[in-house]
Amino acid sequence: MRRVLVIGANRPAGLECVRQCVARGDAVIATAERPTRVPALADLAAESQGLVVLPLDPSDPATVRSALGDIDARLHAIDLVVYGGIDAQPLAAHGDPPRDARLDTLQPGGLAESFLHQAALPLAVLRALLPLLAAGQSPRVLVLSSWLGSVSGKTQGGDYALCASLAGLHMLLRAFAHDVRAKGIILTVGNPGPLKTEIEGPAFKVPVDRSVTGLLAACDATTLDDSGRFVDWTGTDRSW
């Protein structure tokens, strides 16, 4: 049984990580900015004694401190952190997405706001979790990001704020992986792919359960030697 923390369990891939970890018998703490707005989390918690739901907003230090205290009291250590709180698309509150996606209208403030939410805050949360991870058994971190953060995969213009922020996140995570290697912490950056979250949908989209199964397997397959890798849900390494 692993002690698992899923951050951003209100998003489709994060919620599916909660489902799969609970199903395999893990002790899971799932967090969301506003858990009461995620009925599926309440349903899962009612069905499983191994799941606890807590509020955690990476942009609110008070909720981060409160959640860390609760996690420490309940689990004392973490074996796996899944950070599923990276937005596959920018939120309206993070600058003005249509404006900051275009060269002729983007604003420096919008770029900075996107970087804060997409890159800086995830790193700050992971840093705060280091004592709990260092106390875990074979501790691992899986960050669900996006292929949009691949510099070599950028083959067209536009999407300035989102792509730059995710590329920045990847650089921060690569540095983080090197800094925590001495503590035995292994990090994997995962691309879930274009998720199919409804029964009907385009054929090219990936069922969320298959995507998460693949990413959890890729996380387990990562070693200290290749910690900090960027992989697809298929387990194939992605180009930075």
C-alpha atoms as a PDB file:
ATOM      1  CA  MET A   1       0.000   0.000   0.000  1.00  0.00           C
ATOM      2  CA  ARG A   2       1.395   3.343  -1.054  1.00  0.00           C
ATOM      3  CA  ARG A   3       0.749   6.676   0.586  1.00  0.00           C
ATOM      4  CA  VAL A   4      -0.360   8.851  -2.318  1.00  0.00           C
ATOM      5  CA  LEU A   5      -1.102  12.555  -2.651  1.00  0.00           C
ATOM      6  CA  VAL A   6      -2.970  13.738  -5.756  1.00  0.00           C
ATOM      7  CA  ILE A   7      -2.966  17.510  -6.250  1.00  0.00           C
ATOM      8  CA  GLY A   8      -5.525  18.903  -8.666  1.00  0.00           C
ATOM      9  CA  ALA A   9      -7.993  16.034  -8.340  1.00  0.00           C
ATOM     10  CA  ASN A  10     -10.742  18.218  -9.789  1.00  0.00           C
ATOM     11  CA  ARG A  11      -9.247  17.841 -13.270  1.00  0.00           C
ATOM     12  CA  PRO A  12     -10.018  14.733 -15.375  1.00  0.00           C
ATOM     13  CA  ALA A  13      -6.573  13.109 -15.261  1.00  0.00           C
ATOM     14  CA  GLY A  14      -6.089  13.952 -11.590  1.00  0.00           C
ATOM     15  CA  LEU A  15      -9.482  12.497 -10.676  1.00  0.00           C
ATOM     16  CA  GLU A  16      -8.700   9.331 -12.622  1.00  0.00           C
ATOM     17  CA  CYS A  17      -5.390   9.015 -10.744  1.00  0.00           C
ATOM     18  CA  VAL A  18      -7.389   9.097  -7.517  1.00  0.00           C
ATOM     19  CA  ARG A  19      -9.723   6.372  -8.792  1.00  0.00           C
ATOM     20  CA  GLN A  20      -6.909   4.080  -9.892  1.00  0.00           C
ATOM     21  CA  CYS A  21      -4.796   4.527  -6.769  1.00  0.00           C
ATOM     22  CA  VAL A  22      -7.800   3.888  -4.518  1.00  0.00           C
ATOM     23  CA  ALA A  23      -8.707   0.805  -6.583  1.00  0.00           C
ATOM     24  CA  ARG A  24      -5.253  -0.705  -6.095  1.00  0.00           C
ATOM     25  CA  GLY A  25      -5.477  -0.230  -2.326  1.00  0.00           C
ATOM     26  CA  ASP A  26      -3.391   2.889  -1.758  1.00  0.00           C
ATOM     27  CA  ALA A  27      -3.993   5.339   1.069  1.00  0.00           C
ATOM     28  CA  VAL A  28      -4.873   8.435  -0.948  1.00  0.00           C
ATOM     29  CA  ILE A  29      -5.248  12.094  -0.098  1.00  0.00           C
ATOM     30  CA  ALA A  30      -6.831  14.048  -2.941  1.00  0.00           C
ATOM     31  CA  THR A  31      -6.809  17.820  -3.065  1.00  0.00           C
ATOM     32  CA  ALA A  32      -8.641  20.436  -5.080  1.00  0.00           C
ATOM     33  CA  GLU A  33      -8.984  24.179  -4.834  1.00  0.00           C
ATOM     34  CA  ARG A  34     -12.704  23.800  -4.007  1.00  0.00           C
ATOM     35  CA  PRO A  35     -13.470  20.134  -3.247  1.00  0.00           C
ATOM     36  CA  THR A  36     -17.152  20.826  -2.651  1.00  0.00           C
ATOM     37  CA  ARG A  37     -17.482  21.627  -6.356  1.00  0.00           C
ATOM     38  CA  VAL A  38     -16.275  18.129  -7.328  1.00  0.00           C
ATOM     39  CA  PRO A  39     -19.114  15.707  -6.543  1.00  0.00           C
ATOM     40  CA  ALA A  40     -17.152  12.784  -7.980  1.00  0.00           C
ATOM     41  CA  LEU A  41     -14.560  13.210  -5.220  1.00  0.00           C
ATOM     42  CA  ALA A  42     -17.235  13.099  -2.542  1.00  0.00           C
ATOM     43  CA  ASP A  43     -18.690   9.959  -4.128  1.00  0.00           C
ATOM     44  CA  LEU A  44     -15.277   8.261  -4.156  1.00  0.00           C
ATOM     45  CA  ALA A  45     -14.608   9.244  -0.543  1.00  0.00           C
ATOM     46  CA  ALA A  46     -17.973   7.797   0.511  1.00  0.00           C
ATOM     47  CA  GLU A  47     -17.126   4.504  -1.207  1.00  0.00           C
ATOM     48  CA  SER A  48     -13.576   4.126   0.114  1.00  0.00           C
ATOM     49  CA  GLN A  49     -12.081   4.343   3.589  1.00  0.00           C
ATOM     50  CA  GLY A  50      -8.657   4.854   2.010  1.00  0.00           C
ATOM     51  CA  LEU A  51      -9.472   8.261   0.520  1.00  0.00           C
ATOM     52  CA  VAL A  52      -9.353  11.649   2.225  1.00  0.00           C
ATOM     53  CA  VAL A  53     -10.267  14.878   0.391  1.00  0.00           C
ATOM     54  CA  LEU A  54      -8.678  18.193   1.380  1.00  0.00           C
ATOM     55  CA  PRO A  55      -8.725  21.752   0.030  1.00  0.00           C
ATOM     56  CA  LEU A  56      -5.434  22.976  -1.430  1.00  0.00           C
ATOM     57  CA  ASP A  57      -5.023  26.010  -3.660  1.00  0.00           C
ATOM     58  CA  PRO A  58      -1.395  26.385  -4.828  1.00  0.00           C
ATOM     59  CA  SER A  59      -1.913  30.155  -5.081  1.00  0.00           C
ATOM     60  CA  ASP A  60      -3.042  30.399  -1.429  1.00  0.00           C
ATOM     61  CA  PRO A  61      -0.167  29.720   1.021  1.00  0.00           C
ATOM     62  CA  ALA A  62      -2.609  29.314   3.915  1.00  0.00           C
ATOM     63  CA  THR A  63      -4.384  26.374   2.281  1.00  0.00           C
ATOM     64  CA  VAL A  64      -1.025  24.832   1.356  1.00  0.00           C
ATOM     65  CA  ARG A  65       0.199  25.020   4.977  1.00  0.00           C
ATOM     66  CA  SER A  66      -3.098  23.659   6.293  1.00  0.00           C
ATOM     67  CA  ALA A  67      -3.080  20.747   3.830  1.00  0.00           C
ATOM     68  CA  LEU A  68       0.538  19.890   4.639  1.00  0.00           C
ATOM     69  CA  GLY A  69      -0.303  19.752   8.316  1.00  0.00           C
ATOM     70  CA  ASP A  70      -3.236  17.421   7.683  1.00  0.00           C
ATOM     71  CA  ILE A  71      -1.187  15.205   5.368  1.00  0.00           C
ATOM     72  CA  ASP A  72       1.638  14.922   7.902  1.00  0.00           C
ATOM     73  CA  ALA A  73      -0.805  14.053  10.685  1.00  0.00           C
ATOM     74  CA  ARG A  74      -2.560  11.383   8.624  1.00  0.00           C
ATOM     75  CA  LEU A  75       0.243   9.755   6.609  1.00  0.00           C
ATOM     76  CA  HIS A  76       3.518  10.996   8.173  1.00  0.00           C
ATOM     77  CA  ALA A  77       5.199  10.459   4.787  1.00  0.00           C
ATOM     78  CA  ILE A  78       4.342  10.345   1.068  1.00  0.00           C
ATOM     79  CA  ASP A  79       5.454   7.649  -1.362  1.00  0.00           C
ATOM     80  CA  LEU A  80       3.899   9.168  -4.500  1.00  0.00           C
ATOM     81  CA  VAL A  81       2.843  12.703  -5.381  1.00  0.00           C
ATOM     82  CA  VAL A  82       0.780  13.199  -8.522  1.00  0.00           C
ATOM     83  CA  TYR A  83       0.577  16.856  -9.477  1.00  0.00           C
ATOM     84  CA  GLY A  84      -2.358  16.974 -11.856  1.00  0.00           C
ATOM     85  CA  GLY A  85      -3.062  20.659 -11.404  1.00  0.00           C
ATOM     86  CA  ILE A  86      -1.365  21.947 -14.558  1.00  0.00           C
ATOM     87  CA  ASP A  87      -4.017  23.414 -16.824  1.00  0.00           C
ATOM     88  CA  ALA A  88      -4.046  21.882 -20.299  1.00  0.00           C
ATOM     89  CA  GLN A  89      -5.669  25.148 -21.348  1.00  0.00           C
ATOM     90  CA  PRO A  90      -5.154  28.521 -19.645  1.00  0.00           C
ATOM     91  CA  LEU A  91      -7.812  29.649 -17.197  1.00  0.00           C
ATOM     92  CA  ALA A  92      -9.558  32.959 -17.772  1.00  0.00           C
ATOM     93  CA  ALA A  93      -8.239  34.247 -14.446  1.00  0.00           C
ATOM     94  CA  HIS A  94      -4.643  33.835 -15.611  1.00  0.00           C
ATOM     95  CA  GLY A  95      -4.324  36.952 -17.693  1.00  0.00           C
ATOM     96  CA  ASP A  96      -6.428  37.006 -20.865  1.00  0.00           C
ATOM     97  CA  PRO A  97      -5.848  33.731 -22.749  1.00  0.00           C
ATOM     98  CA  PRO A  98      -6.963  34.839 -26.245  1.00  0.00           C
ATOM     99  CA  ARG A  99      -4.962  38.061 -25.925  1.00  0.00           C
ATOM    100  CA  ASP A 100      -1.817  36.430 -24.525  1.00  0.00           C
ATOM    101  CA  ALA A 101      -1.856  33.652 -27.106  1.00  0.00           C
ATOM    102  CA  ARG A 102      -1.244  36.078 -29.975  1.00  0.00           C
ATOM    103  CA  LEU A 103       1.894  37.986 -30.896  1.00  0.00           C
ATOM    104  CA  ASP A 104       0.077  41.202 -31.778  1.00  0.00           C
ATOM    105  CA  THR A 105      -1.920  41.417 -28.539  1.00  0.00           C
ATOM    106  CA  LEU A 106       0.031  39.643 -25.775  1.00  0.00           C
ATOM    107  CA  GLN A 107       1.003  41.590 -22.678  1.00  0.00           C
ATOM    108  CA  PRO A 108       4.015  41.070 -20.386  1.00  0.00           C
ATOM    109  CA  GLY A 109       1.691  40.924 -17.388  1.00  0.00           C
ATOM    110  CA  GLY A 110      -0.291  38.109 -18.941  1.00  0.00           C
ATOM    111  CA  LEU A 111       2.882  36.148 -19.671  1.00  0.00           C
ATOM    112  CA  ALA A 112       4.072  36.627 -16.097  1.00  0.00           C
ATOM    113  CA  GLU A 113       0.692  35.601 -14.643  1.00  0.00           C
ATOM    114  CA  SER A 114       0.654  32.448 -16.756  1.00  0.00           C
ATOM    115  CA  PHE A 115       4.198  31.538 -15.676  1.00  0.00           C
ATOM    116  CA  LEU A 116       3.261  32.044 -12.036  1.00  0.00           C
ATOM    117  CA  HIS A 117       0.316  29.651 -12.155  1.00  0.00           C
ATOM    118  CA  GLN A 118       1.646  27.101 -14.643  1.00  0.00           C
ATOM    119  CA  ALA A 119       5.268  26.851 -13.502  1.00  0.00           C
ATOM    120  CA  ALA A 120       6.284  28.716 -10.335  1.00  0.00           C
ATOM    121  CA  LEU A 121       3.439  27.594  -8.060  1.00  0.00           C
ATOM    122  CA  PRO A 122       3.766  23.869  -8.882  1.00  0.00           C
ATOM    123  CA  LEU A 123       7.477  24.051  -8.051  1.00  0.00           C
ATOM    124  CA  ALA A 124       6.745  25.858  -4.774  1.00  0.00           C
ATOM    125  CA  VAL A 125       4.234  23.184  -3.734  1.00  0.00           C
ATOM    126  CA  LEU A 126       6.635  20.354  -4.582  1.00  0.00           C
ATOM    127  CA  ARG A 127       9.391  22.052  -2.589  1.00  0.00           C
ATOM    128  CA  ALA A 128       7.067  22.311   0.411  1.00  0.00           C
ATOM    129  CA  LEU A 129       6.388  18.579   0.156  1.00  0.00           C
ATOM    130  CA  LEU A 130      10.059  17.563   0.251  1.00  0.00           C
ATOM    131  CA  PRO A 131      10.204  16.559   3.956  1.00  0.00           C
ATOM    132  CA  LEU A 132       7.211  14.232   3.503  1.00  0.00           C
ATOM    133  CA  LEU A 133       8.617  12.784   0.282  1.00  0.00           C
ATOM    134  CA  ALA A 134      12.057  12.256   1.799  1.00  0.00           C
ATOM    135  CA  ALA A 135      10.411  10.176   4.546  1.00  0.00           C
ATOM    136  CA  GLY A 136       8.591   7.992   2.006  1.00  0.00           C
ATOM    137  CA  GLN A 137       9.425   4.567   0.626  1.00  0.00           C
ATOM    138  CA  SER A 138      10.964   4.820  -2.877  1.00  0.00           C
ATOM    139  CA  PRO A 139       9.403   8.285  -3.206  1.00  0.00           C
ATOM    140  CA  ARG A 140       8.214   9.410  -6.629  1.00  0.00           C
ATOM    141  CA  VAL A 141       6.673  12.494  -8.198  1.00  0.00           C
ATOM    142  CA  LEU A 142       4.536  12.437 -11.339  1.00  0.00           C
ATOM    143  CA  VAL A 143       3.709  15.836 -12.826  1.00  0.00           C
ATOM    144  CA  LEU A 144       1.006  15.820 -15.492  1.00  0.00           C
ATOM    145  CA  SER A 145       2.012  18.454 -18.013  1.00  0.00           C
ATOM    146  CA  SER A 146       1.512  18.726 -21.787  1.00  0.00           C
ATOM    147  CA  TRP A 147       3.294  18.267 -25.097  1.00  0.00           C
ATOM    148  CA  LEU A 148       2.659  21.982 -25.608  1.00  0.00           C
ATOM    149  CA  GLY A 149       5.686  22.611 -23.387  1.00  0.00           C
ATOM    150  CA  SER A 150       8.044  20.914 -25.848  1.00  0.00           C
ATOM    151  CA  VAL A 151      10.372  23.461 -27.483  1.00  0.00           C
ATOM    152  CA  SER A 152      11.391  21.105 -30.292  1.00  0.00           C
ATOM    153  CA  GLY A 153       7.725  20.238 -30.842  1.00  0.00           C
ATOM    154  CA  LYS A 154       6.780  23.887 -31.376  1.00  0.00           C
ATOM    155  CA  THR A 155       6.150  23.889 -35.126  1.00  0.00           C
ATOM    156  CA  GLN A 156       3.713  26.802 -35.417  1.00  0.00           C
ATOM    157  CA  GLY A 157       3.150  30.236 -33.956  1.00  0.00           C
ATOM    158  CA  GLY A 158       0.712  31.381 -31.311  1.00  0.00           C
ATOM    159  CA  ASP A 159      -0.137  30.098 -27.826  1.00  0.00           C
ATOM    160  CA  TYR A 160       2.688  32.220 -26.432  1.00  0.00           C
ATOM    161  CA  ALA A 161       1.700  32.311 -22.767  1.00  0.00           C
ATOM    162  CA  LEU A 162       0.702  28.671 -22.420  1.00  0.00           C
ATOM    163  CA  CYS A 163       3.584  27.120 -24.366  1.00  0.00           C
ATOM    164  CA  ALA A 164       6.227  29.345 -22.760  1.00  0.00           C
ATOM    165  CA  SER A 165       4.895  28.672 -19.270  1.00  0.00           C
ATOM    166  CA  LEU A 166       4.855  24.909 -19.758  1.00  0.00           C
ATOM    167  CA  ALA A 167       8.360  24.978 -21.238  1.00  0.00           C
ATOM    168  CA  GLY A 168       9.418  26.967 -18.171  1.00  0.00           C
ATOM    169  CA  LEU A 169       7.760  24.390 -15.936  1.00  0.00           C
ATOM    170  CA  HIS A 170       9.754  21.647 -17.636  1.00  0.00           C
ATOM    171  CA  MET A 171      13.042  23.451 -16.998  1.00  0.00           C
ATOM    172  CA  LEU A 172      12.136  23.982 -13.339  1.00  0.00           C
ATOM    173  CA  LEU A 173      11.237  20.308 -12.978  1.00  0.00           C
ATOM    174  CA  ARG A 174      14.477  19.170 -14.602  1.00  0.00           C
ATOM    175  CA  ALA A 175      16.421  21.258 -12.098  1.00  0.00           C
ATOM    176  CA  PHE A 176      14.249  19.967  -9.253  1.00  0.00           C
ATOM    177  CA  ALA A 177      14.897  16.354 -10.299  1.00  0.00           C
ATOM    178  CA  HIS A 178      18.653  16.909 -10.056  1.00  0.00           C
ATOM    179  CA  ASP A 179      18.412  18.666  -6.697  1.00  0.00           C
ATOM    180  CA  VAL A 180      16.313  15.935  -5.035  1.00  0.00           C
ATOM    181  CA  ARG A 181      18.145  12.947  -6.489  1.00  0.00           C
ATOM    182  CA  ALA A 182      20.380  12.696  -3.434  1.00  0.00           C
ATOM    183  CA  LYS A 183      17.221  12.220  -1.342  1.00  0.00           C
ATOM    184  CA  GLY A 184      16.219   9.253  -3.512  1.00  0.00           C
ATOM    185  CA  ILE A 185      13.224  11.107  -5.004  1.00  0.00           C
ATOM    186  CA  ILE A 186      12.385  10.184  -8.591  1.00  0.00           C
ATOM    187  CA  LEU A 187      10.492  12.586 -10.859  1.00  0.00           C
ATOM    188  CA  THR A 188       8.594  11.942 -14.082  1.00  0.00           C
ATOM    189  CA  VAL A 189       6.943  14.559 -16.291  1.00  0.00           C
ATOM    190  CA  GLY A 190       3.998  13.014 -18.135  1.00  0.00           C
ATOM    191  CA  ASN A 191       2.004  14.040 -21.198  1.00  0.00           C
ATOM    192  CA  PRO A 192      -1.539  12.649 -20.869  1.00  0.00           C
ATOM    193  CA  GLY A 193      -2.331  13.332 -24.513  1.00  0.00           C
ATOM    194  CA  PRO A 194      -5.589  14.809 -25.814  1.00  0.00           C
ATOM    195  CA  LEU A 195      -8.033  13.302 -23.336  1.00  0.00           C
ATOM    196  CA  LYS A 196     -11.423  11.920 -24.172  1.00  0.00           C
ATOM    197  CA  THR A 197     -13.552  12.739 -21.141  1.00  0.00           C
ATOM    198  CA  GLU A 198     -16.935  11.884 -22.672  1.00  0.00           C
ATOM    199  CA  ILE A 199     -18.282   8.632 -24.103  1.00  0.00           C
ATOM    200  CA  GLU A 200     -18.636  10.219 -27.516  1.00  0.00           C
ATOM    201  CA  GLY A 201     -15.657  12.103 -28.870  1.00  0.00           C
ATOM    202  CA  PRO A 202     -13.113  12.292 -31.691  1.00  0.00           C
ATOM    203  CA  ALA A 203     -11.372   9.010 -32.388  1.00  0.00           C
ATOM    204  CA  PHE A 204      -7.912  10.549 -31.959  1.00  0.00           C
ATOM    205  CA  LYS A 205      -8.543  11.393 -28.299  1.00  0.00           C
ATOM    206  CA  VAL A 206      -7.268   9.076 -25.563  1.00  0.00           C
ATOM    207  CA  PRO A 207      -9.629   7.574 -22.960  1.00  0.00           C
ATOM    208  CA  VAL A 208      -8.620   9.115 -19.648  1.00  0.00           C
ATOM    209  CA  ASP A 209      -8.360   5.746 -17.896  1.00  0.00           C
ATOM    210  CA  ARG A 210      -5.890   4.407 -20.477  1.00  0.00           C
ATOM    211  CA  SER A 211      -3.852   7.593 -20.310  1.00  0.00           C
ATOM    212  CA  VAL A 212      -3.557   7.520 -16.530  1.00  0.00           C
ATOM    213  CA  THR A 213      -2.770   3.801 -16.447  1.00  0.00           C
ATOM    214  CA  GLY A 214       0.078   4.428 -18.872  1.00  0.00           C
ATOM    215  CA  LEU A 215       1.440   7.411 -16.972  1.00  0.00           C
ATOM    216  CA  LEU A 216       1.396   5.631 -13.612  1.00  0.00           C
ATOM    217  CA  ALA A 217       3.255   2.725 -15.228  1.00  0.00           C
ATOM    218  CA  ALA A 218       5.802   5.103 -16.774  1.00  0.00           C
ATOM    219  CA  CYS A 219       6.296   6.738 -13.381  1.00  0.00           C
ATOM    220  CA  ASP A 220       6.969   3.352 -11.787  1.00  0.00           C
ATOM    221  CA  ALA A 221       9.433   2.496 -14.564  1.00  0.00           C
ATOM    222  CA  THR A 222      11.502   5.674 -14.097  1.00  0.00           C
ATOM    223  CA  THR A 223      14.776   5.187 -12.233  1.00  0.00           C
ATOM    224  CA  LEU A 224      17.086   7.567 -10.426  1.00  0.00           C
ATOM    225  CA  ASP A 225      19.357   7.511 -13.472  1.00  0.00           C
ATOM    226  CA  ASP A 226      16.650   8.889 -15.787  1.00  0.00           C
ATOM    227  CA  SER A 227      14.753  10.914 -13.192  1.00  0.00           C
ATOM    228  CA  GLY A 228      13.387  14.080 -14.763  1.00  0.00           C
ATOM    229  CA  ARG A 229      12.308  12.379 -17.999  1.00  0.00           C
ATOM    230  CA  PHE A 230       9.404  13.604 -20.127  1.00  0.00           C
ATOM    231  CA  VAL A 231       7.173  10.757 -21.318  1.00  0.00           C
ATOM    232  CA  ASP A 232       3.951  10.159 -23.195  1.00  0.00           C
ATOM    233  CA  TRP A 233       1.123   8.147 -21.682  1.00  0.00           C
ATOM    234  CA  THR A 234       2.362   5.340 -23.943  1.00  0.00           C
ATOM    235  CA  GLY A 235       5.666   5.251 -22.049  1.00  0.00           C
ATOM    236  CA  THR A 236       7.595   6.733 -24.990  1.00  0.00           C
ATOM    237  CA  ASP A 237      10.071   9.477 -24.140  1.00  0.00           C
ATOM    238  CA  ARG A 238       9.048  12.909 -25.412  1.00  0.00           C
ATOM    239  CA  SER A 239      11.461  15.401 -26.922  1.00  0.00           C
ATOM    240  CA  TRP A 240      12.098  18.516 -24.825  1.00  0.00           C
END
